[in-house]
Amino acid sequence: MINFEELIQSLILPLVAYPQDVEINCLNDDETNLEYQVKVNPSDFGRVIGKGGHIAQAIRTILYAGASKEGKKIYLDIASK
């Protein structure tokens, strides 16, 4: 079974300048859906989203692949504090 919180952390932390400000919260974890919220320092928000949202989309794609192996859907919300 995949630990999605650790996976999200391993994908986000290398991108940010303030790793101590990263918060990962599980908002929903039921049989078919997972929902996570990541909060980062406002100065790191652009780094995590990427130009045109490409980095955020790549992170979501990795999470979708992991969740689909377990028969679930995953949603990721990225926000600044």
PDB file of N, CA and C in Angstrom:
ATOM      1  N   MET A   1       0.844  -1.189   0.000  1.00  0.00           N
ATOM      2  CA  MET A   1       0.000   0.000   0.000  1.00  0.00           C
ATOM      3  C   MET A   1       0.884   1.245   0.000  1.00  0.00           C
ATOM      4  N   ILE A   2       0.528   2.185  -0.819  1.00  0.00           N
ATOM      5  CA  ILE A   2       1.315   3.407  -0.977  1.00  0.00           C
ATOM      6  C   ILE A   2       0.959   4.396   0.128  1.00  0.00           C
ATOM      7  N   ASN A   3       1.989   4.989   0.737  1.00  0.00           N
ATOM      8  CA  ASN A   3       1.784   6.070   1.691  1.00  0.00           C
ATOM      9  C   ASN A   3       1.828   7.370   0.886  1.00  0.00           C
ATOM     10  N   PHE A   4       0.656   7.905   0.573  1.00  0.00           N
ATOM     11  CA  PHE A   4       0.582   9.070  -0.305  1.00  0.00           C
ATOM     12  C   PHE A   4       1.142  10.324   0.344  1.00  0.00           C
ATOM     13  N   GLU A   5       1.043  10.431   1.661  1.00  0.00           N
ATOM     14  CA  GLU A   5       1.595  11.606   2.336  1.00  0.00           C
ATOM     15  C   GLU A   5       3.116  11.655   2.157  1.00  0.00           C
ATOM     16  N   GLU A   6       3.779  10.513   2.297  1.00  0.00           N
ATOM     17  CA  GLU A   6       5.228  10.460   2.082  1.00  0.00           C
ATOM     18  C   GLU A   6       5.578  10.712   0.619  1.00  0.00           C
ATOM     19  N   LEU A   7       4.776  10.191  -0.292  1.00  0.00           N
ATOM     20  CA  LEU A   7       5.014  10.410  -1.713  1.00  0.00           C
ATOM     21  C   LEU A   7       4.897  11.890  -2.057  1.00  0.00           C
ATOM     22  N   ILE A   8       3.856  12.544  -1.564  1.00  0.00           N
ATOM     23  CA  ILE A   8       3.674  13.980  -1.809  1.00  0.00           C
ATOM     24  C   ILE A   8       4.855  14.752  -1.228  1.00  0.00           C
ATOM     25  N   GLN A   9       5.252  14.398  -0.023  1.00  0.00           N
ATOM     26  CA  GLN A   9       6.369  15.075   0.630  1.00  0.00           C
ATOM     27  C   GLN A   9       7.652  14.911  -0.195  1.00  0.00           C
ATOM     28  N   SER A  10       7.906  13.713  -0.697  1.00  0.00           N
ATOM     29  CA  SER A  10       9.125  13.487  -1.474  1.00  0.00           C
ATOM     30  C   SER A  10       9.111  14.228  -2.811  1.00  0.00           C
ATOM     31  N   LEU A  11       7.935  14.541  -3.322  1.00  0.00           N
ATOM     32  CA  LEU A  11       7.831  15.287  -4.576  1.00  0.00           C
ATOM     33  C   LEU A  11       7.906  16.799  -4.360  1.00  0.00           C
ATOM     34  N   ILE A  12       7.381  17.286  -3.229  1.00  0.00           N
ATOM     35  CA  ILE A  12       7.286  18.728  -2.977  1.00  0.00           C
ATOM     36  C   ILE A  12       8.556  19.302  -2.347  1.00  0.00           C
ATOM     37  N   LEU A  13       9.114  18.616  -1.354  1.00  0.00           N
ATOM     38  CA  LEU A  13      10.233  19.173  -0.587  1.00  0.00           C
ATOM     39  C   LEU A  13      11.445  19.583  -1.434  1.00  0.00           C
ATOM     40  N   PRO A  14      11.833  18.818  -2.445  1.00  0.00           N
ATOM     41  CA  PRO A  14      12.989  19.269  -3.241  1.00  0.00           C
ATOM     42  C   PRO A  14      12.739  20.556  -4.034  1.00  0.00           C
ATOM     43  N   LEU A  15      11.484  20.934  -4.201  1.00  0.00           N
ATOM     44  CA  LEU A  15      11.144  22.110  -5.003  1.00  0.00           C
ATOM     45  C   LEU A  15      11.159  23.409  -4.210  1.00  0.00           C
ATOM     46  N   VAL A  16      11.019  23.332  -2.887  1.00  0.00           N
ATOM     47  CA  VAL A  16      10.788  24.526  -2.081  1.00  0.00           C
ATOM     48  C   VAL A  16      12.058  25.026  -1.398  1.00  0.00           C
ATOM     49  N   ALA A  17      12.080  26.327  -1.114  1.00  0.00           N
ATOM     50  CA  ALA A  17      13.189  26.934  -0.379  1.00  0.00           C
ATOM     51  C   ALA A  17      12.940  26.896   1.127  1.00  0.00           C
ATOM     52  N   TYR A  18      11.687  26.747   1.527  1.00  0.00           N
ATOM     53  CA  TYR A  18      11.318  26.726   2.947  1.00  0.00           C
ATOM     54  C   TYR A  18      10.589  25.422   3.278  1.00  0.00           C
ATOM     55  N   PRO A  19      11.328  24.305   3.359  1.00  0.00           N
ATOM     56  CA  PRO A  19      10.668  23.014   3.603  1.00  0.00           C
ATOM     57  C   PRO A  19       9.980  22.933   4.966  1.00  0.00           C
ATOM     58  N   GLN A  20      10.421  23.749   5.920  1.00  0.00           N
ATOM     59  CA  GLN A  20       9.790  23.736   7.240  1.00  0.00           C
ATOM     60  C   GLN A  20       8.377  24.298   7.208  1.00  0.00           C
ATOM     61  N   ASP A  21       8.017  25.023   6.157  1.00  0.00           N
ATOM     62  CA  ASP A  21       6.680  25.614   6.035  1.00  0.00           C
ATOM     63  C   ASP A  21       5.692  24.721   5.289  1.00  0.00           C
ATOM     64  N   VAL A  22       6.129  23.581   4.796  1.00  0.00           N
ATOM     65  CA  VAL A  22       5.249  22.700   4.032  1.00  0.00           C
ATOM     66  C   VAL A  22       4.335  21.926   4.981  1.00  0.00           C
ATOM     67  N   GLU A  23       3.040  22.007   4.731  1.00  0.00           N
ATOM     68  CA  GLU A  23       2.034  21.252   5.498  1.00  0.00           C
ATOM     69  C   GLU A  23       1.251  20.372   4.533  1.00  0.00           C
ATOM     70  N   ILE A  24       1.132  19.099   4.887  1.00  0.00           N
ATOM     71  CA  ILE A  24       0.361  18.164   4.065  1.00  0.00           C
ATOM     72  C   ILE A  24      -0.775  17.629   4.919  1.00  0.00           C
ATOM     73  N   ASN A  25      -1.998  17.864   4.490  1.00  0.00           N
ATOM     74  CA  ASN A  25      -3.180  17.447   5.247  1.00  0.00           C
ATOM     75  C   ASN A  25      -4.043  16.518   4.404  1.00  0.00           C
ATOM     76  N   CYS A  26      -4.468  15.423   5.011  1.00  0.00           N
ATOM     77  CA  CYS A  26      -5.414  14.523   4.357  1.00  0.00           C
ATOM     78  C   CYS A  26      -6.818  14.992   4.719  1.00  0.00           C
ATOM     79  N   LEU A  27      -7.574  15.442   3.737  1.00  0.00           N
ATOM     80  CA  LEU A  27      -8.920  15.955   3.969  1.00  0.00           C
ATOM     81  C   LEU A  27      -9.977  14.863   3.871  1.00  0.00           C
ATOM     82  N   ASN A  28      -9.696  13.833   3.068  1.00  0.00           N
ATOM     83  CA  ASN A  28     -10.667  12.764   2.880  1.00  0.00           C
ATOM     84  C   ASN A  28      -9.923  11.485   2.519  1.00  0.00           C
ATOM     85  N   ASP A  29     -10.255  10.403   3.181  1.00  0.00           N
ATOM     86  CA  ASP A  29      -9.647   9.104   2.873  1.00  0.00           C
ATOM     87  C   ASP A  29     -10.719   8.042   3.061  1.00  0.00           C
ATOM     88  N   ASP A  30     -11.450   7.771   1.985  1.00  0.00           N
ATOM     89  CA  ASP A  30     -12.451   6.707   2.064  1.00  0.00           C
ATOM     90  C   ASP A  30     -12.076   5.591   1.097  1.00  0.00           C
ATOM     91  N   GLU A  31     -12.972   4.701   0.840  1.00  0.00           N
ATOM     92  CA  GLU A  31     -12.671   3.510   0.043  1.00  0.00           C
ATOM     93  C   GLU A  31     -12.294   3.813  -1.397  1.00  0.00           C
ATOM     94  N   THR A  32     -12.838   4.888  -1.954  1.00  0.00           N
ATOM     95  CA  THR A  32     -12.582   5.156  -3.375  1.00  0.00           C
ATOM     96  C   THR A  32     -11.894   6.485  -3.649  1.00  0.00           C
ATOM     97  N   ASN A  33     -11.891   7.409  -2.698  1.00  0.00           N
ATOM     98  CA  ASN A  33     -11.343   8.743  -2.938  1.00  0.00           C
ATOM     99  C   ASN A  33     -10.350   9.149  -1.864  1.00  0.00           C
ATOM    100  N   LEU A  34      -9.317   9.847  -2.298  1.00  0.00           N
ATOM    101  CA  LEU A  34      -8.352  10.462  -1.396  1.00  0.00           C
ATOM    102  C   LEU A  34      -8.283  11.936  -1.749  1.00  0.00           C
ATOM    103  N   GLU A  35      -8.180  12.786  -0.740  1.00  0.00           N
ATOM    104  CA  GLU A  35      -8.062  14.214  -0.996  1.00  0.00           C
ATOM    105  C   GLU A  35      -7.005  14.788  -0.057  1.00  0.00           C
ATOM    106  N   TYR A  36      -6.003  15.426  -0.644  1.00  0.00           N
ATOM    107  CA  TYR A  36      -4.916  16.021   0.128  1.00  0.00           C
ATOM    108  C   TYR A  36      -4.810  17.495  -0.186  1.00  0.00           C
ATOM    109  N   GLN A  37      -4.385  18.247   0.833  1.00  0.00           N
ATOM    110  CA  GLN A  37      -4.111  19.664   0.652  1.00  0.00           C
ATOM    111  C   GLN A  37      -2.670  19.907   1.076  1.00  0.00           C
ATOM    112  N   VAL A  38      -1.928  20.603   0.230  1.00  0.00           N
ATOM    113  CA  VAL A  38      -0.546  20.965   0.526  1.00  0.00           C
ATOM    114  C   VAL A  38      -0.486  22.478   0.650  1.00  0.00           C
ATOM    115  N   LYS A  39       0.044  22.950   1.767  1.00  0.00           N
ATOM    116  CA  LYS A  39       0.240  24.382   1.961  1.00  0.00           C
ATOM    117  C   LYS A  39       1.736  24.651   1.988  1.00  0.00           C
ATOM    118  N   VAL A  40       2.154  25.654   1.223  1.00  0.00           N
ATOM    119  CA  VAL A  40       3.558  26.024   1.140  1.00  0.00           C
ATOM    120  C   VAL A  40       3.709  27.516   1.433  1.00  0.00           C
ATOM    121  N   ASN A  41       4.937  27.918   1.702  1.00  0.00           N
ATOM    122  CA  ASN A  41       5.248  29.322   1.898  1.00  0.00           C
ATOM    123  C   ASN A  41       4.873  30.086   0.628  1.00  0.00           C
ATOM    124  N   PRO A  42       4.313  31.290   0.760  1.00  0.00           N
ATOM    125  CA  PRO A  42       3.910  32.047  -0.442  1.00  0.00           C
ATOM    126  C   PRO A  42       5.036  32.245  -1.460  1.00  0.00           C
ATOM    127  N   SER A  43       6.283  32.364  -0.989  1.00  0.00           N
ATOM    128  CA  SER A  43       7.381  32.546  -1.941  1.00  0.00           C
ATOM    129  C   SER A  43       7.723  31.255  -2.679  1.00  0.00           C
ATOM    130  N   ASP A  44       7.268  30.101  -2.177  1.00  0.00           N
ATOM    131  CA  ASP A  44       7.498  28.813  -2.831  1.00  0.00           C
ATOM    132  C   ASP A  44       6.347  28.395  -3.736  1.00  0.00           C
ATOM    133  N   PHE A  45       5.241  29.114  -3.678  1.00  0.00           N
ATOM    134  CA  PHE A  45       4.042  28.708  -4.412  1.00  0.00           C
ATOM    135  C   PHE A  45       4.307  28.582  -5.909  1.00  0.00           C
ATOM    136  N   GLY A  46       4.984  29.555  -6.485  1.00  0.00           N
ATOM    137  CA  GLY A  46       5.285  29.522  -7.913  1.00  0.00           C
ATOM    138  C   GLY A  46       6.200  28.374  -8.298  1.00  0.00           C
ATOM    139  N   ARG A  47       7.117  28.016  -7.406  1.00  0.00           N
ATOM    140  CA  ARG A  47       8.027  26.900  -7.673  1.00  0.00           C
ATOM    141  C   ARG A  47       7.281  25.573  -7.726  1.00  0.00           C
ATOM    142  N   VAL A  48       6.293  25.429  -6.866  1.00  0.00           N
ATOM    143  CA  VAL A  48       5.546  24.172  -6.805  1.00  0.00           C
ATOM    144  C   VAL A  48       4.552  24.080  -7.956  1.00  0.00           C
ATOM    145  N   ILE A  49       3.948  25.185  -8.326  1.00  0.00           N
ATOM    146  CA  ILE A  49       2.987  25.194  -9.426  1.00  0.00           C
ATOM    147  C   ILE A  49       3.709  25.093 -10.769  1.00  0.00           C
ATOM    148  N   GLY A  50       4.778  25.848 -10.934  1.00  0.00           N
ATOM    149  CA  GLY A  50       5.537  25.835 -12.177  1.00  0.00           C
ATOM    150  C   GLY A  50       4.896  26.710 -13.237  1.00  0.00           C
ATOM    151  N   LYS A  51       5.667  27.013 -14.244  1.00  0.00           N
ATOM    152  CA  LYS A  51       5.170  27.863 -15.329  1.00  0.00           C
ATOM    153  C   LYS A  51       4.026  27.164 -16.048  1.00  0.00           C
ATOM    154  N   GLY A  52       2.891  27.813 -16.077  1.00  0.00           N
ATOM    155  CA  GLY A  52       1.720  27.240 -16.733  1.00  0.00           C
ATOM    156  C   GLY A  52       1.124  26.057 -15.983  1.00  0.00           C
ATOM    157  N   GLY A  53       1.555  25.841 -14.742  1.00  0.00           N
ATOM    158  CA  GLY A  53       1.028  24.735 -13.948  1.00  0.00           C
ATOM    159  C   GLY A  53       1.616  23.377 -14.301  1.00  0.00           C
ATOM    160  N   HIS A  54       2.717  23.365 -15.045  1.00  0.00           N
ATOM    161  CA  HIS A  54       3.283  22.097 -15.508  1.00  0.00           C
ATOM    162  C   HIS A  54       3.834  21.232 -14.382  1.00  0.00           C
ATOM    163  N   ILE A  55       4.469  21.830 -13.387  1.00  0.00           N
ATOM    164  CA  ILE A  55       5.025  21.025 -12.288  1.00  0.00           C
ATOM    165  C   ILE A  55       3.890  20.435 -11.457  1.00  0.00           C
ATOM    166  N   ALA A  56       2.889  21.242 -11.148  1.00  0.00           N
ATOM    167  CA  ALA A  56       1.743  20.737 -10.380  1.00  0.00           C
ATOM    168  C   ALA A  56       1.046  19.607 -11.132  1.00  0.00           C
ATOM    169  N   GLN A  57       0.916  19.741 -12.430  1.00  0.00           N
ATOM    170  CA  GLN A  57       0.271  18.691 -13.222  1.00  0.00           C
ATOM    171  C   GLN A  57       1.108  17.418 -13.226  1.00  0.00           C
ATOM    172  N   ALA A  58       2.420  17.550 -13.270  1.00  0.00           N
ATOM    173  CA  ALA A  58       3.294  16.371 -13.226  1.00  0.00           C
ATOM    174  C   ALA A  58       3.177  15.655 -11.876  1.00  0.00           C
ATOM    175  N   ILE A  59       3.103  16.434 -10.794  1.00  0.00           N
ATOM    176  CA  ILE A  59       2.933  15.844  -9.465  1.00  0.00           C
ATOM    177  C   ILE A  59       1.604  15.100  -9.404  1.00  0.00           C
ATOM    178  N   ARG A  60       0.561  15.721  -9.897  1.00  0.00           N
ATOM    179  CA  ARG A  60      -0.760  15.081  -9.889  1.00  0.00           C
ATOM    180  C   ARG A  60      -0.768  13.805 -10.728  1.00  0.00           C
ATOM    181  N   THR A  61      -0.080  13.808 -11.858  1.00  0.00           N
ATOM    182  CA  THR A  61      -0.023  12.626 -12.714  1.00  0.00           C
ATOM    183  C   THR A  61       0.620  11.451 -11.989  1.00  0.00           C
ATOM    184  N   ILE A  62       1.697  11.713 -11.258  1.00  0.00           N
ATOM    185  CA  ILE A  62       2.356  10.659 -10.479  1.00  0.00           C
ATOM    186  C   ILE A  62       1.406  10.122  -9.413  1.00  0.00           C
ATOM    187  N   LEU A  63       0.708  11.028  -8.737  1.00  0.00           N
ATOM    188  CA  LEU A  63      -0.242  10.609  -7.696  1.00  0.00           C
ATOM    189  C   LEU A  63      -1.405   9.822  -8.295  1.00  0.00           C
ATOM    190  N   TYR A  64      -1.910  10.255  -9.452  1.00  0.00           N
ATOM    191  CA  TYR A  64      -3.005   9.544 -10.105  1.00  0.00           C
ATOM    192  C   TYR A  64      -2.597   8.117 -10.440  1.00  0.00           C
ATOM    193  N   ALA A  65      -1.360   7.950 -10.920  1.00  0.00           N
ATOM    194  CA  ALA A  65      -0.880   6.613 -11.275  1.00  0.00           C
ATOM    195  C   ALA A  65      -0.825   5.708 -10.055  1.00  0.00           C
ATOM    196  N   GLY A  66      -0.318   6.233  -8.946  1.00  0.00           N
ATOM    197  CA  GLY A  66      -0.248   5.442  -7.715  1.00  0.00           C
ATOM    198  C   GLY A  66      -1.623   5.094  -7.181  1.00  0.00           C
ATOM    199  N   ALA A  67      -2.535   6.061  -7.234  1.00  0.00           N
ATOM    200  CA  ALA A  67      -3.882   5.821  -6.719  1.00  0.00           C
ATOM    201  C   ALA A  67      -4.635   4.833  -7.594  1.00  0.00           C
ATOM    202  N   SER A  68      -4.448   4.901  -8.889  1.00  0.00           N
ATOM    203  CA  SER A  68      -5.172   3.992  -9.768  1.00  0.00           C
ATOM    204  C   SER A  68      -4.725   2.548  -9.563  1.00  0.00           C
ATOM    205  N   LYS A  69      -3.473   2.334  -9.166  1.00  0.00           N
ATOM    206  CA  LYS A  69      -3.001   0.976  -8.868  1.00  0.00           C
ATOM    207  C   LYS A  69      -3.751   0.385  -7.674  1.00  0.00           C
ATOM    208  N   GLU A  70      -4.247   1.269  -6.811  1.00  0.00           N
ATOM    209  CA  GLU A  70      -4.997   0.828  -5.640  1.00  0.00           C
ATOM    210  C   GLU A  70      -6.497   0.954  -5.832  1.00  0.00           C
ATOM    211  N   GLY A  71      -6.933   1.306  -7.039  1.00  0.00           N
ATOM    212  CA  GLY A  71      -8.348   1.412  -7.335  1.00  0.00           C
ATOM    213  C   GLY A  71      -9.012   2.625  -6.713  1.00  0.00           C
ATOM    214  N   LYS A  72      -8.242   3.706  -6.541  1.00  0.00           N
ATOM    215  CA  LYS A  72      -8.769   4.929  -5.939  1.00  0.00           C
ATOM    216  C   LYS A  72      -8.545   6.111  -6.858  1.00  0.00           C
ATOM    217  N   LYS A  73      -9.220   7.207  -6.535  1.00  0.00           N
ATOM    218  CA  LYS A  73      -8.994   8.484  -7.193  1.00  0.00           C
ATOM    219  C   LYS A  73      -8.403   9.424  -6.149  1.00  0.00           C
ATOM    220  N   ILE A  74      -7.472  10.269  -6.585  1.00  0.00           N
ATOM    221  CA  ILE A  74      -6.822  11.180  -5.651  1.00  0.00           C
ATOM    222  C   ILE A  74      -6.946  12.609  -6.167  1.00  0.00           C
ATOM    223  N   TYR A  75      -7.156  13.517  -5.246  1.00  0.00           N
ATOM    224  CA  TYR A  75      -7.247  14.945  -5.559  1.00  0.00           C
ATOM    225  C   TYR A  75      -6.201  15.671  -4.734  1.00  0.00           C
ATOM    226  N   LEU A  76      -5.493  16.607  -5.349  1.00  0.00           N
ATOM    227  CA  LEU A  76      -4.451  17.359  -4.659  1.00  0.00           C
ATOM    228  C   LEU A  76      -4.709  18.844  -4.844  1.00  0.00           C
ATOM    229  N   ASP A  77      -4.804  19.547  -3.729  1.00  0.00           N
ATOM    230  CA  ASP A  77      -4.972  21.001  -3.734  1.00  0.00           C
ATOM    231  C   ASP A  77      -3.679  21.606  -3.217  1.00  0.00           C
ATOM    232  N   ILE A  78      -3.105  22.515  -3.980  1.00  0.00           N
ATOM    233  CA  ILE A  78      -1.876  23.196  -3.574  1.00  0.00           C
ATOM    234  C   ILE A  78      -2.222  24.635  -3.280  1.00  0.00           C
ATOM    235  N   ALA A  79      -1.878  25.091  -2.067  1.00  0.00           N
ATOM    236  CA  ALA A  79      -2.226  26.445  -1.648  1.00  0.00           C
ATOM    237  C   ALA A  79      -1.039  27.073  -0.926  1.00  0.00           C
ATOM    238  N   SER A  80      -1.051  28.387  -0.842  1.00  0.00           N
ATOM    239  CA  SER A  80      -0.036  29.072  -0.055  1.00  0.00           C
ATOM    240  C   SER A  80      -0.636  29.427   1.302  1.00  0.00           C
ATOM    241  N   LYS A  81       0.218  29.583   2.277  1.00  0.00           N
ATOM    242  CA  LYS A  81      -0.247  29.877   3.642  1.00  0.00           C
ATOM    243  C   LYS A  81      -0.720  31.303   3.758  1.00  0.00           C
TER     244      LYS A  81
END
